[in-house]
Amino acid sequence: MRYWVFGRTCYAQPLEHRGVLEATDEDLARQLAEARFGDGWVELVLVPEPDAHWVVGSPGAPGGAEEVEIAGPVDGAGTHL
């Protein structure tokens, strides 16, 4: 499943899209997010792609959301395998 990652480093900032992760379950998605994005966040949020409800457009439509890099598995040091 794909998870969209949003985060901010202080509450005065809006949540911003930080990337996309592929994981088989929520626990793995959390581990991958922590490994890839590290700490220093006041909020780091995972949104399962199927839970997104498009108001206008869609990610697959022409002119829709652009494709983003997908992070695959990482080792304990945060290096992509």
C-alpha atoms as a PDB file:
ATOM      1  CA  MET A   1       0.000   0.000   0.000  1.00  0.00           C
ATOM      2  CA  ARG A   2       1.132   3.544  -0.669  1.00  0.00           C
ATOM      3  CA  TYR A   3       1.300   6.038   2.186  1.00  0.00           C
ATOM      4  CA  TRP A   4       1.619   9.773   1.700  1.00  0.00           C
ATOM      5  CA  VAL A   5       3.910  11.431   4.248  1.00  0.00           C
ATOM      6  CA  PHE A   6       3.212  14.917   5.615  1.00  0.00           C
ATOM      7  CA  GLY A   7       5.229  16.715   8.259  1.00  0.00           C
ATOM      8  CA  ARG A   8       6.244  19.932   9.938  1.00  0.00           C
ATOM      9  CA  THR A   9       9.063  20.916  12.269  1.00  0.00           C
ATOM     10  CA  CYS A  10       7.144  23.605  14.185  1.00  0.00           C
ATOM     11  CA  TYR A  11       3.455  24.193  14.821  1.00  0.00           C
ATOM     12  CA  ALA A  12       3.515  27.576  13.060  1.00  0.00           C
ATOM     13  CA  GLN A  13       4.159  25.736   9.755  1.00  0.00           C
ATOM     14  CA  PRO A  14       1.445  23.994   7.752  1.00  0.00           C
ATOM     15  CA  LEU A  15       1.740  20.261   7.231  1.00  0.00           C
ATOM     16  CA  GLU A  16       3.578  19.760   3.934  1.00  0.00           C
ATOM     17  CA  HIS A  17       3.853  16.759   1.656  1.00  0.00           C
ATOM     18  CA  ARG A  18       7.261  15.157   2.262  1.00  0.00           C
ATOM     19  CA  GLY A  19       7.090  12.025   0.131  1.00  0.00           C
ATOM     20  CA  VAL A  20       5.471   8.661  -0.494  1.00  0.00           C
ATOM     21  CA  LEU A  21       6.265   5.280   1.015  1.00  0.00           C
ATOM     22  CA  GLU A  22       5.344   1.755  -0.074  1.00  0.00           C
ATOM     23  CA  ALA A  23       4.727  -0.648   2.804  1.00  0.00           C
ATOM     24  CA  THR A  24       2.766  -3.821   3.421  1.00  0.00           C
ATOM     25  CA  ASP A  25       1.229  -2.519   6.660  1.00  0.00           C
ATOM     26  CA  GLU A  26       1.029   0.509   8.959  1.00  0.00           C
ATOM     27  CA  ASP A  27       3.805  -0.661  11.304  1.00  0.00           C
ATOM     28  CA  LEU A  28       6.265  -1.049   8.435  1.00  0.00           C
ATOM     29  CA  ALA A  29       5.188   2.342   7.049  1.00  0.00           C
ATOM     30  CA  ARG A  30       5.994   3.943  10.427  1.00  0.00           C
ATOM     31  CA  GLN A  31       9.407   2.266  10.515  1.00  0.00           C
ATOM     32  CA  LEU A  32      10.193   3.375   6.957  1.00  0.00           C
ATOM     33  CA  ALA A  33       9.051   6.947   7.689  1.00  0.00           C
ATOM     34  CA  GLU A  34      11.244   7.158  10.795  1.00  0.00           C
ATOM     35  CA  ALA A  35      14.229   5.715   8.921  1.00  0.00           C
ATOM     36  CA  ARG A  36      13.811   7.939   5.861  1.00  0.00           C
ATOM     37  CA  PHE A  37      12.782  11.226   7.454  1.00  0.00           C
ATOM     38  CA  GLY A  38      14.517  10.977  10.833  1.00  0.00           C
ATOM     39  CA  ASP A  39      13.453  12.968  13.850  1.00  0.00           C
ATOM     40  CA  GLY A  40      13.112  16.676  14.528  1.00  0.00           C
ATOM     41  CA  TRP A  41       9.431  16.760  13.584  1.00  0.00           C
ATOM     42  CA  VAL A  42       6.616  18.042  15.782  1.00  0.00           C
ATOM     43  CA  GLU A  43       4.297  16.083  13.467  1.00  0.00           C
ATOM     44  CA  LEU A  44       4.962  13.399  10.873  1.00  0.00           C
ATOM     45  CA  VAL A  45       1.747  11.959   9.438  1.00  0.00           C
ATOM     46  CA  LEU A  46       1.080   8.910   7.267  1.00  0.00           C
ATOM     47  CA  VAL A  47      -2.024   8.925   5.066  1.00  0.00           C
ATOM     48  CA  PRO A  48      -2.921   5.642   3.350  1.00  0.00           C
ATOM     49  CA  GLU A  49      -3.575   6.524  -0.288  1.00  0.00           C
ATOM     50  CA  PRO A  50      -6.988   4.755  -0.358  1.00  0.00           C
ATOM     51  CA  ASP A  51      -8.128   7.045   2.490  1.00  0.00           C
ATOM     52  CA  ALA A  52      -7.671  10.186   0.368  1.00  0.00           C
ATOM     53  CA  HIS A  53     -10.918  11.645  -0.942  1.00  0.00           C
ATOM     54  CA  TRP A  54     -10.424  13.837  -3.997  1.00  0.00           C
ATOM     55  CA  VAL A  55     -12.595  16.944  -4.162  1.00  0.00           C
ATOM     56  CA  VAL A  56     -11.396  18.053  -7.606  1.00  0.00           C
ATOM     57  CA  GLY A  57      -9.346  15.948 -10.010  1.00  0.00           C
ATOM     58  CA  SER A  58      -7.493  12.772  -9.177  1.00  0.00           C
ATOM     59  CA  PRO A  59      -3.848  11.691  -9.048  1.00  0.00           C
ATOM     60  CA  GLY A  60      -4.116   9.660 -12.283  1.00  0.00           C
ATOM     61  CA  ALA A  61      -6.004  12.226 -14.369  1.00  0.00           C
ATOM     62  CA  PRO A  62      -4.198  14.378 -16.946  1.00  0.00           C
ATOM     63  CA  GLY A  63      -3.031  17.475 -15.117  1.00  0.00           C
ATOM     64  CA  GLY A  64      -3.715  15.747 -11.774  1.00  0.00           C
ATOM     65  CA  ALA A  65      -1.294  15.263  -8.920  1.00  0.00           C
ATOM     66  CA  GLU A  66       2.220  14.677 -10.188  1.00  0.00           C
ATOM     67  CA  GLU A  67       4.051  11.455  -9.473  1.00  0.00           C
ATOM     68  CA  VAL A  68       6.385  11.546  -6.500  1.00  0.00           C
ATOM     69  CA  GLU A  69       9.385   9.455  -5.545  1.00  0.00           C
ATOM     70  CA  ILE A  70       8.495   6.246  -3.761  1.00  0.00           C
ATOM     71  CA  ALA A  71      10.844   5.113  -1.031  1.00  0.00           C
ATOM     72  CA  GLY A  72      11.430   1.386  -0.922  1.00  0.00           C
ATOM     73  CA  PRO A  73      12.888  -0.685   1.892  1.00  0.00           C
ATOM     74  CA  VAL A  74      15.743   0.806   3.905  1.00  0.00           C
ATOM     75  CA  ASP A  75      18.336  -0.715   6.187  1.00  0.00           C
ATOM     76  CA  GLY A  76      18.890   0.287   9.829  1.00  0.00           C
ATOM     77  CA  ALA A  77      21.000   3.294   8.768  1.00  0.00           C
ATOM     78  CA  GLY A  78      18.245   4.679   6.538  1.00  0.00           C
ATOM     79  CA  THR A  79      19.978   3.644   3.296  1.00  0.00           C
ATOM     80  CA  HIS A  80      17.655   2.500   0.513  1.00  0.00           C
ATOM     81  CA  LEU A  81      18.121  -1.157  -0.381  1.00  0.00           C
END
